[in-house]
C-alpha atoms as a PDB file:
ATOM      1  CA  UNK A   1      26.930  -1.537 -89.633  1.00  0.00           C
ATOM      2  CA  UNK A   2      25.523   1.559 -87.913  1.00  0.00           C
ATOM      3  CA  UNK A   3      21.803   1.951 -87.469  1.00  0.00           C
ATOM      4  CA  UNK A   4      20.131   4.821 -89.262  1.00  0.00           C
ATOM      5  CA  UNK A   5      18.842   7.461 -86.820  1.00  0.00           C
ATOM      6  CA  UNK A   6      16.611   9.366 -89.245  1.00  0.00           C
ATOM      7  CA  UNK A   7      13.222   7.828 -89.974  1.00  0.00           C
ATOM      8  CA  UNK A   8      10.829   8.877 -92.694  1.00  0.00           C
ATOM      9  CA  UNK A   9       7.269   9.839 -91.807  1.00  0.00           C
ATOM     10  CA  UNK A  10       6.016   6.492 -93.101  1.00  0.00           C
ATOM     11  CA  UNK A  11       8.514   4.617 -90.926  1.00  0.00           C
ATOM     12  CA  UNK A  12       7.487   6.703 -87.911  1.00  0.00           C
ATOM     13  CA  UNK A  13       3.815   6.031 -88.646  1.00  0.00           C
ATOM     14  CA  UNK A  14       4.422   2.284 -88.979  1.00  0.00           C
ATOM     15  CA  UNK A  15       6.412   2.302 -85.732  1.00  0.00           C
ATOM     16  CA  UNK A  16       4.127   4.387 -83.533  1.00  0.00           C
ATOM     17  CA  UNK A  17       0.596   3.632 -84.751  1.00  0.00           C
ATOM     18  CA  UNK A  18      -1.261   0.388 -84.228  1.00  0.00           C
ATOM     19  CA  UNK A  19      -4.159  -0.651 -86.497  1.00  0.00           C
ATOM     20  CA  UNK A  20      -7.290  -1.796 -84.721  1.00  0.00           C
ATOM     21  CA  UNK A  21     -10.552  -3.132 -86.162  1.00  0.00           C
ATOM     22  CA  UNK A  22     -13.590  -1.292 -84.838  1.00  0.00           C
ATOM     23  CA  UNK A  23     -17.146  -2.541 -85.505  1.00  0.00           C
ATOM     24  CA  UNK A  24     -18.908  -0.387 -88.071  1.00  0.00           C
ATOM     25  CA  UNK A  25     -22.123  -0.581 -90.072  1.00  0.00           C
ATOM     26  CA  UNK A  26     -20.652  -1.064 -93.535  1.00  0.00           C
ATOM     27  CA  UNK A  27     -20.375  -4.099 -95.811  1.00  0.00           C
ATOM     28  CA  UNK A  28     -17.280  -5.450 -94.082  1.00  0.00           C
ATOM     29  CA  UNK A  29     -18.726  -4.886 -90.609  1.00  0.00           C
ATOM     30  CA  UNK A  30     -15.662  -2.986 -89.337  1.00  0.00           C
ATOM     31  CA  UNK A  31     -13.350  -0.095 -90.077  1.00  0.00           C
ATOM     32  CA  UNK A  32      -9.696   0.425 -89.293  1.00  0.00           C
ATOM     33  CA  UNK A  33      -8.755   2.828 -86.553  1.00  0.00           C
ATOM     34  CA  UNK A  34      -5.149   3.803 -85.885  1.00  0.00           C
ATOM     35  CA  UNK A  35      -4.143   4.262 -82.254  1.00  0.00           C
ATOM     36  CA  UNK A  36      -1.016   6.269 -81.394  1.00  0.00           C
ATOM     37  CA  UNK A  37       1.301   4.250 -79.154  1.00  0.00           C
ATOM     38  CA  UNK A  38       4.476   6.335 -79.372  1.00  0.00           C
ATOM     39  CA  UNK A  39       5.954   8.934 -77.054  1.00  0.00           C
ATOM     40  CA  UNK A  40       4.067  12.163 -76.451  1.00  0.00           C
ATOM     41  CA  UNK A  41       5.871  15.480 -76.651  1.00  0.00           C
ATOM     42  CA  UNK A  42       4.836  18.242 -74.256  1.00  0.00           C
ATOM     43  CA  UNK A  43       5.526  21.910 -74.666  1.00  0.00           C
ATOM     44  CA  UNK A  44       6.441  22.371 -71.022  1.00  0.00           C
ATOM     45  CA  UNK A  45       4.858  25.693 -70.234  1.00  0.00           C
ATOM     46  CA  UNK A  46       1.438  26.365 -68.804  1.00  0.00           C
ATOM     47  CA  UNK A  47      -1.421  26.823 -71.220  1.00  0.00           C
ATOM     48  CA  UNK A  48      -1.537  30.624 -70.829  1.00  0.00           C
ATOM     49  CA  UNK A  49       2.231  30.995 -71.164  1.00  0.00           C
ATOM     50  CA  UNK A  50       2.244  28.809 -74.284  1.00  0.00           C
ATOM     51  CA  UNK A  51      -0.579  30.873 -75.795  1.00  0.00           C
ATOM     52  CA  UNK A  52       1.337  34.092 -75.062  1.00  0.00           C
ATOM     53  CA  UNK A  53       4.467  32.602 -76.626  1.00  0.00           C
ATOM     54  CA  UNK A  54       2.529  31.647 -79.750  1.00  0.00           C
ATOM     55  CA  UNK A  55       1.116  35.170 -80.042  1.00  0.00           C
ATOM     56  CA  UNK A  56       4.595  36.658 -79.566  1.00  0.00           C
ATOM     57  CA  UNK A  57       6.030  34.371 -82.251  1.00  0.00           C
ATOM     58  CA  UNK A  58       3.237  35.263 -84.674  1.00  0.00           C
ATOM     59  CA  UNK A  59       3.801  38.975 -83.996  1.00  0.00           C
ATOM     60  CA  UNK A  60       7.544  38.634 -84.661  1.00  0.00           C
ATOM     61  CA  UNK A  61       6.852  36.745 -87.894  1.00  0.00           C
ATOM     62  CA  UNK A  62       4.245  39.234 -89.186  1.00  0.00           C
ATOM     63  CA  UNK A  63       6.527  42.163 -88.288  1.00  0.00           C
ATOM     64  CA  UNK A  64       9.411  40.501 -90.101  1.00  0.00           C
ATOM     65  CA  UNK A  65       7.362  40.008 -93.254  1.00  0.00           C
ATOM     66  CA  UNK A  66       6.021  43.568 -93.097  1.00  0.00           C
ATOM     67  CA  UNK A  67       9.565  44.967 -92.808  1.00  0.00           C
ATOM     68  CA  UNK A  68      10.608  42.870 -95.783  1.00  0.00           C
ATOM     69  CA  UNK A  69       7.639  44.048 -97.856  1.00  0.00           C
ATOM     70  CA  UNK A  70       8.190  47.690 -96.838  1.00  0.00           C
ATOM     71  CA  UNK A  71      11.742  47.476 -98.157  1.00  0.00           C
ATOM     72  CA  UNK A  72      11.235  45.229-101.185  1.00  0.00           C
ATOM     73  CA  UNK A  73       8.187  46.989-102.611  1.00  0.00           C
ATOM     74  CA  UNK A  74       9.672  50.456-102.398  1.00  0.00           C
ATOM     75  CA  UNK A  75      10.442  51.877-105.815  1.00  0.00           C
ATOM     76  CA  UNK A  76      14.168  52.598-105.501  1.00  0.00           C
ATOM     77  CA  UNK A  77      17.193  51.796-107.611  1.00  0.00           C
ATOM     78  CA  UNK A  78      18.750  49.790-104.809  1.00  0.00           C
ATOM     79  CA  UNK A  79      16.022  47.153-105.208  1.00  0.00           C
ATOM     80  CA  UNK A  80      16.936  46.729-108.887  1.00  0.00           C
ATOM     81  CA  UNK A  81      20.513  45.712-108.131  1.00  0.00           C
ATOM     82  CA  UNK A  82      20.991  42.090-109.211  1.00  0.00           C
ATOM     83  CA  UNK A  83      22.454  40.916-105.893  1.00  0.00           C
ATOM     84  CA  UNK A  84      19.784  42.625-103.797  1.00  0.00           C
ATOM     85  CA  UNK A  85      17.128  41.082-106.033  1.00  0.00           C
ATOM     86  CA  UNK A  86      18.758  37.651-105.953  1.00  0.00           C
ATOM     87  CA  UNK A  87      19.020  37.345-102.172  1.00  0.00           C
ATOM     88  CA  UNK A  88      15.678  39.071-101.627  1.00  0.00           C
ATOM     89  CA  UNK A  89      13.958  36.603-103.948  1.00  0.00           C
ATOM     90  CA  UNK A  90      15.667  33.598-102.358  1.00  0.00           C
ATOM     91  CA  UNK A  91      14.422  34.877 -99.010  1.00  0.00           C
ATOM     92  CA  UNK A  92      10.853  34.418-100.258  1.00  0.00           C
ATOM     93  CA  UNK A  93      11.325  30.639-100.331  1.00  0.00           C
ATOM     94  CA  UNK A  94      12.612  30.674 -96.767  1.00  0.00           C
ATOM     95  CA  UNK A  95       9.786  32.902 -95.562  1.00  0.00           C
ATOM     96  CA  UNK A  96       7.188  30.559 -97.071  1.00  0.00           C
ATOM     97  CA  UNK A  97       8.815  27.628 -95.265  1.00  0.00           C
ATOM     98  CA  UNK A  98       8.844  29.689 -92.066  1.00  0.00           C
ATOM     99  CA  UNK A  99       5.183  30.640 -92.570  1.00  0.00           C
ATOM    100  CA  UNK A 100       4.176  26.984 -92.726  1.00  0.00           C
ATOM    101  CA  UNK A 101       6.138  26.232 -89.555  1.00  0.00           C
ATOM    102  CA  UNK A 102       4.674  29.178 -87.628  1.00  0.00           C
ATOM    103  CA  UNK A 103       1.114  28.331 -88.666  1.00  0.00           C
ATOM    104  CA  UNK A 104       1.616  24.685 -87.701  1.00  0.00           C
ATOM    105  CA  UNK A 105       3.011  25.755 -84.346  1.00  0.00           C
ATOM    106  CA  UNK A 106       0.098  28.121 -83.726  1.00  0.00           C
ATOM    107  CA  UNK A 107      -2.359  25.239 -84.111  1.00  0.00           C
ATOM    108  CA  UNK A 108      -0.335  22.557 -82.331  1.00  0.00           C
ATOM    109  CA  UNK A 109      -1.526  21.431 -78.922  1.00  0.00           C
ATOM    110  CA  UNK A 110       0.497  21.298 -75.743  1.00  0.00           C
ATOM    111  CA  UNK A 111       0.625  17.493 -76.087  1.00  0.00           C
ATOM    112  CA  UNK A 112       1.602  16.265 -79.546  1.00  0.00           C
ATOM    113  CA  UNK A 113       2.885  13.201 -81.377  1.00  0.00           C
ATOM    114  CA  UNK A 114       6.465  12.624 -82.446  1.00  0.00           C
ATOM    115  CA  UNK A 115       5.547  13.104 -86.113  1.00  0.00           C
ATOM    116  CA  UNK A 116       3.971  16.534 -85.540  1.00  0.00           C
ATOM    117  CA  UNK A 117       6.722  17.595 -83.163  1.00  0.00           C
ATOM    118  CA  UNK A 118       9.553  16.698 -85.554  1.00  0.00           C
ATOM    119  CA  UNK A 119       7.801  18.375 -88.480  1.00  0.00           C
ATOM    120  CA  UNK A 120       7.298  21.696 -86.664  1.00  0.00           C
ATOM    121  CA  UNK A 121      10.684  21.491 -84.961  1.00  0.00           C
ATOM    122  CA  UNK A 122      12.544  21.050 -88.242  1.00  0.00           C
ATOM    123  CA  UNK A 123      10.768  23.988 -89.873  1.00  0.00           C
ATOM    124  CA  UNK A 124      11.204  26.376 -86.958  1.00  0.00           C
ATOM    125  CA  UNK A 125      14.876  25.512 -86.438  1.00  0.00           C
ATOM    126  CA  UNK A 126      15.930  25.882 -90.080  1.00  0.00           C
ATOM    127  CA  UNK A 127      13.663  28.376 -91.865  1.00  0.00           C
ATOM    128  CA  UNK A 128      14.019  31.442 -89.588  1.00  0.00           C
ATOM    129  CA  UNK A 129      17.815  31.202 -89.581  1.00  0.00           C
ATOM    130  CA  UNK A 130      17.934  30.635 -93.330  1.00  0.00           C
ATOM    131  CA  UNK A 131      15.664  33.658 -93.832  1.00  0.00           C
ATOM    132  CA  UNK A 132      17.767  35.768 -91.448  1.00  0.00           C
ATOM    133  CA  UNK A 133      20.963  34.815 -93.292  1.00  0.00           C
ATOM    134  CA  UNK A 134      19.429  35.754 -96.633  1.00  0.00           C
ATOM    135  CA  UNK A 135      18.173  39.047 -95.173  1.00  0.00           C
ATOM    136  CA  UNK A 136      21.679  39.767 -93.884  1.00  0.00           C
ATOM    137  CA  UNK A 137      23.094  39.162 -97.363  1.00  0.00           C
ATOM    138  CA  UNK A 138      20.356  41.353 -98.863  1.00  0.00           C
ATOM    139  CA  UNK A 139      21.188  44.070 -96.340  1.00  0.00           C
ATOM    140  CA  UNK A 140      24.898  43.896 -97.154  1.00  0.00           C
ATOM    141  CA  UNK A 141      24.304  43.973-100.916  1.00  0.00           C
ATOM    142  CA  UNK A 142      21.896  46.917-100.610  1.00  0.00           C
ATOM    143  CA  UNK A 143      24.381  48.774 -98.438  1.00  0.00           C
ATOM    144  CA  UNK A 144      27.175  47.989-100.925  1.00  0.00           C
ATOM    145  CA  UNK A 145      25.063  49.354-103.772  1.00  0.00           C
ATOM    146  CA  UNK A 146      24.236  52.541-101.883  1.00  0.00           C
ATOM    147  CA  UNK A 147      27.859  53.158-100.897  1.00  0.00           C
ATOM    148  CA  UNK A 148      29.129  52.602-104.449  1.00  0.00           C
ATOM    149  CA  UNK A 149      26.442  54.712-106.106  1.00  0.00           C
ATOM    150  CA  UNK A 150      26.244  57.522-103.531  1.00  0.00           C
ATOM    151  CA  UNK A 151      22.578  56.814-102.901  1.00  0.00           C
ATOM    152  CA  UNK A 152      20.196  59.378-101.474  1.00  0.00           C
ATOM    153  CA  UNK A 153      19.753  59.549 -97.703  1.00  0.00           C
ATOM    154  CA  UNK A 154      16.178  58.265 -97.798  1.00  0.00           C
ATOM    155  CA  UNK A 155      17.318  55.147 -99.689  1.00  0.00           C
ATOM    156  CA  UNK A 156      19.293  54.020 -96.628  1.00  0.00           C
ATOM    157  CA  UNK A 157      15.983  53.073 -95.012  1.00  0.00           C
ATOM    158  CA  UNK A 158      15.727  50.074 -97.348  1.00  0.00           C
ATOM    159  CA  UNK A 159      18.809  48.184 -96.079  1.00  0.00           C
ATOM    160  CA  UNK A 160      17.810  48.999 -92.501  1.00  0.00           C
ATOM    161  CA  UNK A 161      14.385  47.416 -93.110  1.00  0.00           C
ATOM    162  CA  UNK A 162      16.038  44.310 -94.583  1.00  0.00           C
ATOM    163  CA  UNK A 163      18.278  44.094 -91.522  1.00  0.00           C
ATOM    164  CA  UNK A 164      15.333  44.557 -89.146  1.00  0.00           C
ATOM    165  CA  UNK A 165      13.445  41.808 -90.983  1.00  0.00           C
ATOM    166  CA  UNK A 166      16.362  39.440 -90.398  1.00  0.00           C
ATOM    167  CA  UNK A 167      16.589  40.383 -86.718  1.00  0.00           C
ATOM    168  CA  UNK A 168      12.877  39.656 -86.272  1.00  0.00           C
ATOM    169  CA  UNK A 169      13.365  36.272 -87.951  1.00  0.00           C
ATOM    170  CA  UNK A 170      16.048  35.484 -85.369  1.00  0.00           C
ATOM    171  CA  UNK A 171      13.522  36.526 -82.696  1.00  0.00           C
ATOM    172  CA  UNK A 172      11.099  33.916 -84.099  1.00  0.00           C
ATOM    173  CA  UNK A 173      13.841  31.290 -83.868  1.00  0.00           C
ATOM    174  CA  UNK A 174      14.809  32.250 -80.307  1.00  0.00           C
ATOM    175  CA  UNK A 175      11.183  32.341 -79.172  1.00  0.00           C
ATOM    176  CA  UNK A 176      10.743  28.770 -80.359  1.00  0.00           C
ATOM    177  CA  UNK A 177      14.078  27.607 -78.922  1.00  0.00           C
ATOM    178  CA  UNK A 178      13.246  28.925 -75.450  1.00  0.00           C
ATOM    179  CA  UNK A 179      10.126  26.767 -75.138  1.00  0.00           C
ATOM    180  CA  UNK A 180      10.941  23.753 -72.935  1.00  0.00           C
ATOM    181  CA  UNK A 181       9.939  20.451 -74.523  1.00  0.00           C
ATOM    182  CA  UNK A 182       9.701  17.110 -72.720  1.00  0.00           C
ATOM    183  CA  UNK A 183       8.590  13.678 -73.830  1.00  0.00           C
ATOM    184  CA  UNK A 184       7.454  10.541 -72.092  1.00  0.00           C
ATOM    185  CA  UNK A 185       9.170   7.919 -74.109  1.00  0.00           C
END
């Protein structure tokens, strides 16, 4: 029988944290304190370089969302096409997932636990690519609509903004992937 490689957060917590009784002035006379005993993960750049990388990632993410909003909120017939609306709306779920990952990464320290590392790593490896794929599909459907309906020249800005939003999401992914990570376990 093969051993399962994926562990839930509870299993990771039970594996890597040790309960310890610490004297305390309550009725029991102690309180429980949990000490981390697992491997530490290090984002292997210097503190200033890591800070610059975090700022760059946040700028890529904000720019991506602004491009999406500039295209999606424009009052044009291309945005009312069912396929453009479908993929554009699905992209909202991915961008929320990506937002959580980027915010977690912005507040993570250079030295972090396995639980925090895996949580941020999963979000920033999946969400930006999922969002970029959905933006590519939105771009293609908007372009299809404009080519079929002989759309006005100014309406071609909308698919370009969707495409640019997807490219910036890939930039978020690549920025995270290029950060060297080591662990001591």
